[in-house]
Amino acid sequence: MCCLLDAEMSTANATELLETWLSSLEYAVLDWASIIIPPPVIITGIVGNPLAVGVLLRLPLADSSAARYAVALLVVSTVRLLAEGTMEWFAYATSTKYIMHKADWICRLWKFLLTTVKGCGAWFVIALAADRFVYATGKPDAISTVCSSCVSGVVLVGIVVGVLVVAMHDLWVYGLTIFGNCGVDELPTADGELNVEAVVWPWINVFLFDVLPLVVACLIVVPLAVTARRFRQLATIVDGGADSMAMIHAALATLIIYIVSVLPTSVFRLTVYYRPPLFVSSRELAAYYSALTVVSLINCVQSGTVYVAFFAVVTPMRAAVRAALPKLRRSGINSANTGVQTASAEAHHSELEMLDIGRSADESSIQASR
């Protein structure tokens, strides 16, 4: 999102550059985009990702390895959308402090959470694509082994454990800096020694969770596309038939979305780490914060549109939703009719009670006159 300038520049230069940036047309456009674009993406993502999970788990292919990877990917994407996209947009739209910058311990835990869901999401995409590639090109024995539920469970657990072990470094590397923001403190220690881990860790982070998954995705996307084209009309291979083959197209769509969204993010992070911005001119300041805003919007869109890749290409999922709509409509009508009938019955009961009270009053008055 569009951010205010950190306090690392001199006051006079910072004020001049900041005024130039805030009065520019580019800032106005990015400011408008930062407020308008995220809400519909967040709302549809919070609804669409869990909906896709529910539909996948009700299909016959729910026990397949591809469905396991897809469900895991949709879950971590939803968590990332809530923890990063939603909270970041709320802080920017309300001009309040982002939760990650409120306290040192929150900074550490939040960075650990974001790194975990980001790393798991990246490698879940790779696992789904690799699983479908083996399913479409491997021999029956290899398919029954690699694409089994047992192997997929082991792979998922291995990815989560590996990411947790790596992301655990965030708990002591990150913290609130002297400028009040959450980041890596690269200043020398009290003994004058350089904090090597703080310098090296951002590079390890961006390599393991950005560059390496991106390289693997670029290597596998073309073979997977060729495989999807070759087996598009194939009715059955081993265990899932046409329904399971549709997951190849979903894996390909997810892989393409991942490459398109992560490529600019990785370039931006590598550029910032290799050549930190000096903010010596308004043009450099505008370029940095423009790129930062675009990257934040891309991350939000990526997490909030994962379900689109599955609903767009997996025909059984769309058919399940279409079949469920009439039932939901009928249940809504029945609920409304039940509510009307209940209200009518209550009104009729109230009328009977009023008549009984009237009769009792008449009888009392007659007895009193006698």
Protein backbone atom coordinates (compact mmCIF):
# COMPACT_ATOMS: atom_id res chain seq x y z
CA MET A 1 0.00 0.00 0.00
CA CYS A 2 0.99 3.64 -0.28
CA CYS A 3 3.06 4.43 2.78
CA LEU A 4 4.50 7.47 4.42
CA LEU A 5 8.21 8.04 4.35
CA ASP A 6 10.37 6.45 7.08
CA ALA A 7 12.35 8.71 9.35
CA GLU A 8 15.71 7.63 7.96
CA MET A 9 16.17 10.73 5.78
CA SER A 10 17.12 14.20 6.94
CA THR A 11 14.15 16.28 8.00
CA ALA A 12 14.48 18.98 5.34
CA ASN A 13 15.04 16.59 2.46
CA ALA A 14 12.29 14.27 3.70
CA THR A 15 9.77 17.10 3.93
CA GLU A 16 10.53 18.35 0.44
CA LEU A 17 10.42 14.92 -1.18
CA LEU A 18 7.32 13.94 0.75
CA GLU A 19 5.41 17.06 -0.30
CA THR A 20 6.37 16.48 -3.93
CA TRP A 21 5.27 12.85 -3.76
CA LEU A 22 1.97 13.52 -1.97
CA SER A 23 1.01 16.24 -4.45
CA SER A 24 1.71 14.13 -7.53
CA LEU A 25 -0.93 12.58 -9.75
CA GLU A 26 0.75 9.20 -9.41
CA TYR A 27 0.21 9.21 -5.66
CA ALA A 28 -3.45 10.17 -6.11
CA VAL A 29 -4.02 7.26 -8.50
CA LEU A 30 -2.23 4.76 -6.26
CA ASP A 31 -4.02 6.07 -3.19
CA TRP A 32 -7.37 5.58 -4.90
CA ALA A 33 -6.37 2.10 -6.08
CA SER A 34 -5.16 1.12 -2.58
CA ILE A 35 -8.58 1.96 -1.12
CA ILE A 36 -10.92 0.79 -3.88
CA ILE A 37 -9.37 -2.42 -5.25
CA PRO A 38 -8.75 -4.55 -2.11
CA PRO A 39 -12.29 -4.66 -0.59
CA PRO A 40 -14.03 -6.57 -3.44
CA VAL A 41 -11.01 -8.88 -3.76
CA ILE A 42 -10.98 -9.55 -0.01
CA ILE A 43 -14.74 -10.15 0.23
CA THR A 44 -14.91 -12.47 -2.77
CA GLY A 45 -11.76 -14.27 -1.64
CA ILE A 46 -13.01 -14.85 1.90
CA VAL A 47 -16.21 -16.29 0.43
CA GLY A 48 -14.81 -17.98 -2.67
CA ASN A 49 -11.82 -19.83 -1.20
CA PRO A 50 -13.78 -21.62 1.57
CA LEU A 51 -16.60 -22.29 -0.91
CA ALA A 52 -14.12 -23.97 -3.24
CA VAL A 53 -12.86 -26.08 -0.32
CA GLY A 54 -16.38 -27.17 0.56
CA VAL A 55 -17.21 -28.07 -3.04
CA LEU A 56 -13.96 -30.00 -3.53
CA LEU A 57 -14.52 -32.06 -0.40
CA ARG A 58 -17.98 -33.11 -1.67
CA LEU A 59 -16.79 -34.33 -5.06
CA PRO A 60 -15.80 -37.92 -5.84
CA LEU A 61 -12.20 -36.76 -6.30
CA ALA A 62 -12.03 -35.44 -2.73
CA ASP A 63 -9.73 -38.31 -1.71
CA SER A 64 -7.28 -37.70 -4.55
CA SER A 65 -3.85 -36.24 -3.95
CA ALA A 66 -4.63 -33.25 -6.16
CA ALA A 67 -7.67 -32.36 -4.05
CA ARG A 68 -5.54 -32.49 -0.89
CA TYR A 69 -3.01 -30.07 -2.34
CA ALA A 70 -5.78 -27.81 -3.63
CA VAL A 71 -7.56 -27.68 -0.27
CA ALA A 72 -4.30 -26.90 1.54
CA LEU A 73 -3.55 -24.13 -0.95
CA LEU A 74 -7.00 -22.60 -0.60
CA VAL A 75 -6.78 -22.67 3.22
CA VAL A 76 -3.38 -20.95 3.46
CA SER A 77 -4.43 -18.41 0.80
CA THR A 78 -7.46 -17.49 2.91
CA VAL A 79 -5.32 -17.14 6.03
CA ARG A 80 -2.86 -14.93 4.17
CA LEU A 81 -5.69 -12.84 2.76
CA LEU A 82 -7.04 -12.24 6.26
CA ALA A 83 -3.70 -11.69 8.01
CA GLU A 84 -2.01 -9.59 5.34
CA GLY A 85 -4.43 -8.18 2.79
CA THR A 86 -7.34 -7.40 5.10
CA MET A 87 -5.33 -6.01 8.02
CA GLU A 88 -3.05 -3.99 5.76
CA TRP A 89 -5.96 -2.45 3.87
CA PHE A 90 -7.84 -1.65 7.11
CA ALA A 91 -4.81 0.11 8.57
CA TYR A 92 -4.30 2.15 5.41
CA ALA A 93 -7.97 3.03 4.86
CA THR A 94 -8.44 4.12 8.49
CA SER A 95 -5.02 5.82 8.81
CA THR A 96 -4.15 3.65 11.80
CA LYS A 97 -1.00 1.74 12.60
CA TYR A 98 -0.67 -1.68 10.97
CA ILE A 99 -0.92 -4.39 13.61
CA MET A 100 2.60 -5.62 12.84
CA HIS A 101 4.06 -2.26 13.93
CA LYS A 102 2.26 -1.98 17.28
CA ALA A 103 4.60 -4.02 19.49
CA ASP A 104 7.85 -5.91 19.21
CA TRP A 105 6.36 -9.31 20.05
CA ILE A 106 3.47 -8.75 17.63
CA CYS A 107 5.98 -7.87 14.92
CA ARG A 108 7.86 -11.13 15.45
CA LEU A 109 4.77 -13.34 15.59
CA TRP A 110 3.12 -11.61 12.63
CA LYS A 111 6.23 -11.93 10.45
CA PHE A 112 6.45 -15.59 11.43
CA LEU A 113 2.78 -16.12 10.47
CA LEU A 114 3.09 -14.30 7.15
CA THR A 115 6.29 -16.09 6.21
CA THR A 116 4.72 -19.44 7.07
CA VAL A 117 1.55 -19.01 5.03
CA LYS A 118 3.47 -17.46 2.14
CA GLY A 119 6.04 -20.26 2.04
CA CYS A 120 3.44 -23.00 2.39
CA GLY A 121 1.31 -21.44 -0.34
CA ALA A 122 4.26 -21.25 -2.76
CA TRP A 123 5.30 -24.86 -2.27
CA PHE A 124 1.70 -26.13 -2.28
CA VAL A 125 1.37 -24.68 -5.80
CA ILE A 126 4.52 -26.53 -6.86
CA ALA A 127 3.35 -29.76 -5.21
CA LEU A 128 -0.03 -29.60 -6.98
CA ALA A 129 1.60 -28.97 -10.37
CA ALA A 130 4.19 -31.72 -9.90
CA ASP A 131 1.52 -34.18 -8.77
CA ARG A 132 -0.64 -33.56 -11.86
CA PHE A 133 2.40 -33.77 -14.14
CA VAL A 134 3.31 -37.19 -12.74
CA TYR A 135 -0.34 -38.25 -12.92
CA ALA A 136 -0.54 -37.43 -16.64
CA THR A 137 2.88 -38.63 -17.78
CA GLY A 138 4.00 -41.36 -15.39
CA LYS A 139 3.57 -45.10 -15.55
CA PRO A 140 0.68 -46.71 -13.66
CA ASP A 141 2.95 -47.99 -10.87
CA ALA A 142 4.55 -44.59 -10.40
CA ILE A 143 1.16 -42.86 -10.50
CA SER A 144 -0.37 -45.16 -7.91
CA THR A 145 2.59 -44.47 -5.64
CA VAL A 146 3.40 -40.79 -6.13
CA CYS A 147 -0.20 -39.61 -6.55
CA SER A 148 -1.59 -41.55 -3.60
CA SER A 149 -3.27 -40.02 -0.58
CA CYS A 150 -0.53 -41.32 1.70
CA VAL A 151 2.29 -39.68 -0.27
CA SER A 152 0.36 -36.41 -0.61
CA GLY A 153 -0.16 -36.33 3.15
CA VAL A 154 3.56 -36.89 3.76
CA VAL A 155 4.44 -34.15 1.26
CA LEU A 156 2.04 -31.67 2.86
CA VAL A 157 3.37 -32.38 6.35
CA GLY A 158 6.95 -32.13 5.08
CA ILE A 159 6.28 -28.75 3.45
CA VAL A 160 4.63 -27.36 6.58
CA VAL A 161 7.38 -28.62 8.90
CA GLY A 162 10.14 -27.36 6.61
CA VAL A 163 8.57 -23.92 6.25
CA LEU A 164 8.00 -23.68 10.01
CA VAL A 165 11.64 -24.52 10.74
CA VAL A 166 12.87 -21.87 8.31
CA ALA A 167 10.28 -19.23 9.27
CA MET A 168 11.13 -19.68 12.94
CA HIS A 169 14.12 -17.38 12.38
CA ASP A 170 11.67 -14.50 12.09
CA LEU A 171 10.99 -14.78 15.81
CA TRP A 172 14.43 -13.41 16.69
CA VAL A 173 15.64 -11.74 13.48
CA TYR A 174 12.72 -9.34 13.06
CA GLY A 175 11.51 -6.72 15.53
CA LEU A 176 10.60 -3.07 15.86
CA THR A 177 13.41 -0.92 14.53
CA ILE A 178 14.46 2.49 15.82
CA PHE A 179 12.07 4.00 13.26
CA GLY A 180 9.05 2.21 14.78
CA ASN A 181 8.42 -0.18 11.92
CA CYS A 182 8.72 -3.96 11.83
CA GLY A 183 11.88 -5.04 10.07
CA VAL A 184 15.37 -6.48 10.32
CA ASP A 185 17.73 -4.48 12.50
CA GLU A 186 21.05 -4.51 10.63
CA LEU A 187 22.78 -2.08 13.00
CA PRO A 188 25.95 -3.34 14.73
CA THR A 189 25.62 -4.83 18.19
CA ALA A 190 26.80 -3.15 21.38
CA ASP A 191 30.20 -4.80 20.92
CA GLY A 192 30.53 -3.32 17.45
CA GLU A 193 30.02 -6.67 15.70
CA LEU A 194 27.92 -6.91 12.58
CA ASN A 195 24.64 -8.80 12.93
CA VAL A 196 25.39 -11.35 10.22
CA GLU A 197 22.12 -13.22 10.62
CA ALA A 198 20.10 -10.03 10.18
CA VAL A 199 22.00 -9.27 6.97
CA VAL A 200 21.87 -12.78 5.51
CA TRP A 201 18.39 -13.83 6.57
CA PRO A 202 16.38 -11.62 4.14
CA TRP A 203 18.33 -13.16 1.27
CA ILE A 204 17.62 -16.69 2.53
CA ASN A 205 13.96 -15.80 2.94
CA VAL A 206 13.54 -14.38 -0.55
CA PHE A 207 15.48 -17.28 -2.09
CA LEU A 208 13.54 -20.10 -0.40
CA PHE A 209 10.05 -18.58 -0.64
CA ASP A 210 10.27 -16.41 -3.78
CA VAL A 211 13.11 -17.21 -6.15
CA LEU A 212 13.36 -21.00 -5.80
CA PRO A 213 9.59 -21.72 -6.11
CA LEU A 214 9.42 -19.25 -9.00
CA VAL A 215 12.25 -21.00 -10.86
CA VAL A 216 10.66 -24.41 -10.32
CA ALA A 217 7.29 -23.08 -11.48
CA CYS A 218 8.82 -21.64 -14.65
CA LEU A 219 10.54 -24.96 -15.37
CA ILE A 220 7.38 -27.02 -14.97
CA VAL A 221 4.74 -24.75 -16.51
CA VAL A 222 5.58 -25.53 -20.16
CA PRO A 223 5.72 -29.35 -19.73
CA LEU A 224 2.50 -29.21 -17.76
CA ALA A 225 0.82 -27.12 -20.46
CA VAL A 226 1.91 -29.60 -23.14
CA THR A 227 0.63 -32.46 -21.00
CA ALA A 228 -2.71 -30.75 -20.41
CA ARG A 229 -3.15 -30.21 -24.15
CA ARG A 230 -2.19 -33.78 -24.98
CA PHE A 231 -4.54 -35.39 -22.47
CA ARG A 232 -7.40 -32.91 -22.74
CA GLN A 233 -9.71 -35.38 -24.46
CA LEU A 234 -8.60 -38.43 -22.49
CA ALA A 235 -11.45 -39.91 -20.48
CA THR A 236 -9.51 -41.85 -17.88
CA ILE A 237 -5.93 -42.60 -16.87
CA VAL A 238 -5.72 -44.46 -13.59
CA ASP A 239 -7.95 -43.55 -10.70
CA GLY A 240 -10.06 -40.50 -11.36
CA GLY A 241 -11.32 -40.32 -14.92
CA ALA A 242 -12.22 -37.02 -16.53
CA ASP A 243 -12.95 -35.37 -13.17
CA SER A 244 -9.42 -35.96 -11.96
CA MET A 245 -8.00 -34.87 -15.31
CA ALA A 246 -9.72 -31.52 -14.85
CA MET A 247 -7.38 -30.92 -11.95
CA ILE A 248 -4.49 -30.79 -14.43
CA HIS A 249 -6.01 -27.67 -15.93
CA ALA A 250 -6.61 -26.26 -12.45
CA ALA A 251 -2.98 -26.91 -11.51
CA LEU A 252 -1.84 -25.22 -14.72
CA ALA A 253 -4.08 -22.19 -14.11
CA THR A 254 -2.87 -21.92 -10.51
CA LEU A 255 0.74 -22.18 -11.65
CA ILE A 256 0.32 -19.41 -14.23
CA ILE A 257 -1.37 -17.12 -11.69
CA TYR A 258 1.46 -17.80 -9.27
CA ILE A 259 4.18 -16.96 -11.82
CA VAL A 260 2.47 -13.77 -12.97
CA SER A 261 1.93 -12.53 -9.40
CA VAL A 262 5.22 -13.59 -7.79
CA LEU A 263 7.57 -12.49 -10.57
CA PRO A 264 7.19 -8.72 -9.93
CA THR A 265 7.24 -9.30 -6.19
CA SER A 266 10.51 -11.21 -6.38
CA VAL A 267 12.10 -8.61 -8.65
CA PHE A 268 11.08 -5.83 -6.26
CA ARG A 269 12.39 -7.61 -3.16
CA LEU A 270 15.70 -8.53 -4.80
CA THR A 271 16.13 -4.98 -6.06
CA VAL A 272 15.49 -3.50 -2.60
CA TYR A 273 17.87 -5.94 -0.89
CA TYR A 274 20.61 -5.52 -3.50
CA ARG A 275 20.32 -1.74 -3.77
CA PRO A 276 18.38 -0.18 -0.88
CA PRO A 277 16.63 3.05 -1.89
CA LEU A 278 18.47 6.22 -0.88
CA PHE A 279 15.54 8.58 -1.55
CA VAL A 280 17.80 11.28 -2.91
CA SER A 281 15.21 12.47 -5.44
CA SER A 282 11.44 12.63 -5.73
CA ARG A 283 11.63 10.37 -8.80
CA GLU A 284 13.32 7.59 -6.82
CA LEU A 285 10.86 8.02 -3.98
CA ALA A 286 7.91 7.80 -6.39
CA ALA A 287 9.35 4.73 -8.11
CA TYR A 288 9.91 2.92 -4.81
CA TYR A 289 6.50 3.56 -3.30
CA SER A 290 4.73 3.00 -6.61
CA ALA A 291 6.36 -0.41 -6.87
CA LEU A 292 5.58 -1.13 -3.21
CA THR A 293 1.91 -0.29 -3.74
CA VAL A 294 1.63 -2.41 -6.88
CA VAL A 295 3.32 -5.36 -5.16
CA SER A 296 0.94 -5.12 -2.19
CA LEU A 297 -2.07 -5.06 -4.51
CA ILE A 298 -0.71 -8.05 -6.45
CA ASN A 299 -0.26 -10.04 -3.24
CA CYS A 300 -3.84 -9.26 -2.22
CA VAL A 301 -5.23 -10.25 -5.62
CA GLN A 302 -3.19 -13.45 -5.69
CA SER A 303 -4.49 -14.64 -2.31
CA GLY A 304 -8.06 -13.56 -3.06
CA THR A 305 -8.47 -15.19 -6.48
CA VAL A 306 -7.12 -18.72 -5.98
CA TYR A 307 -10.65 -20.13 -6.09
CA VAL A 308 -11.13 -18.69 -9.58
CA ALA A 309 -8.57 -21.11 -11.03
CA PHE A 310 -10.59 -24.07 -9.76
CA PHE A 311 -14.11 -22.90 -10.53
CA ALA A 312 -13.03 -21.72 -13.98
CA VAL A 313 -11.60 -25.02 -15.22
CA VAL A 314 -12.93 -27.83 -13.01
CA THR A 315 -16.33 -28.64 -14.51
CA PRO A 316 -17.55 -30.85 -11.60
CA MET A 317 -17.12 -27.92 -9.21
CA ARG A 318 -19.26 -25.63 -11.35
CA ALA A 319 -21.84 -28.40 -11.79
CA ALA A 320 -21.98 -28.93 -8.02
CA VAL A 321 -22.59 -25.23 -7.43
CA ARG A 322 -25.31 -25.10 -10.10
CA ALA A 323 -26.97 -28.16 -8.57
CA ALA A 324 -26.87 -26.63 -5.11
CA LEU A 325 -28.42 -23.29 -6.12
CA PRO A 326 -32.00 -24.62 -6.66
CA LYS A 327 -31.82 -26.44 -3.32
CA LEU A 328 -30.70 -23.27 -1.57
CA ARG A 329 -33.46 -21.34 -3.33
CA ARG A 330 -36.09 -23.89 -2.29
CA SER A 331 -34.80 -24.00 1.27
CA GLY A 332 -34.96 -20.20 1.40
CA ILE A 333 -38.54 -20.24 0.10
CA ASN A 334 -39.49 -22.98 2.58
CA SER A 335 -37.92 -21.03 5.41
CA ALA A 336 -39.83 -17.93 4.39
CA ASN A 337 -43.10 -19.89 4.17
CA THR A 338 -42.42 -21.48 7.53
CA GLY A 339 -41.81 -18.07 9.01
CA VAL A 340 -45.07 -16.74 7.55
CA GLN A 341 -46.99 -19.75 8.84
CA THR A 342 -45.44 -19.38 12.28
CA ALA A 343 -46.29 -15.70 12.38
CA SER A 344 -49.89 -16.45 11.29
CA ALA A 345 -50.23 -19.16 13.91
CA GLU A 346 -48.91 -16.84 16.61
CA ALA A 347 -51.30 -14.10 15.51
CA HIS A 348 -54.22 -16.52 15.54
CA HIS A 349 -53.21 -17.76 18.98
CA SER A 350 -53.06 -14.17 20.22
CA GLU A 351 -56.56 -13.51 18.86
CA LEU A 352 -57.90 -16.58 20.66
CA GLU A 353 -56.30 -15.43 23.90
CA MET A 354 -57.89 -11.99 23.52
CA LEU A 355 -61.31 -13.60 22.93
CA ASP A 356 -60.88 -15.72 26.06
CA ILE A 357 -59.95 -12.66 28.06
CA GLY A 358 -63.02 -10.84 26.68
CA ARG A 359 -65.33 -13.71 27.61
CA SER A 360 -63.87 -13.86 31.10
CA ALA A 361 -64.43 -10.12 31.52
CA ASP A 362 -68.06 -10.42 30.35
CA GLU A 363 -68.75 -13.27 32.72
CA SER A 364 -67.19 -11.33 35.60
CA SER A 365 -69.35 -8.28 34.85
CA ILE A 366 -72.54 -10.40 34.68
CA GLN A 367 -71.79 -12.05 38.00
CA ALA A 368 -71.08 -8.66 39.56
CA SER A 369 -74.45 -7.25 38.34
CA ARG A 370 -76.29 -10.18 39.87
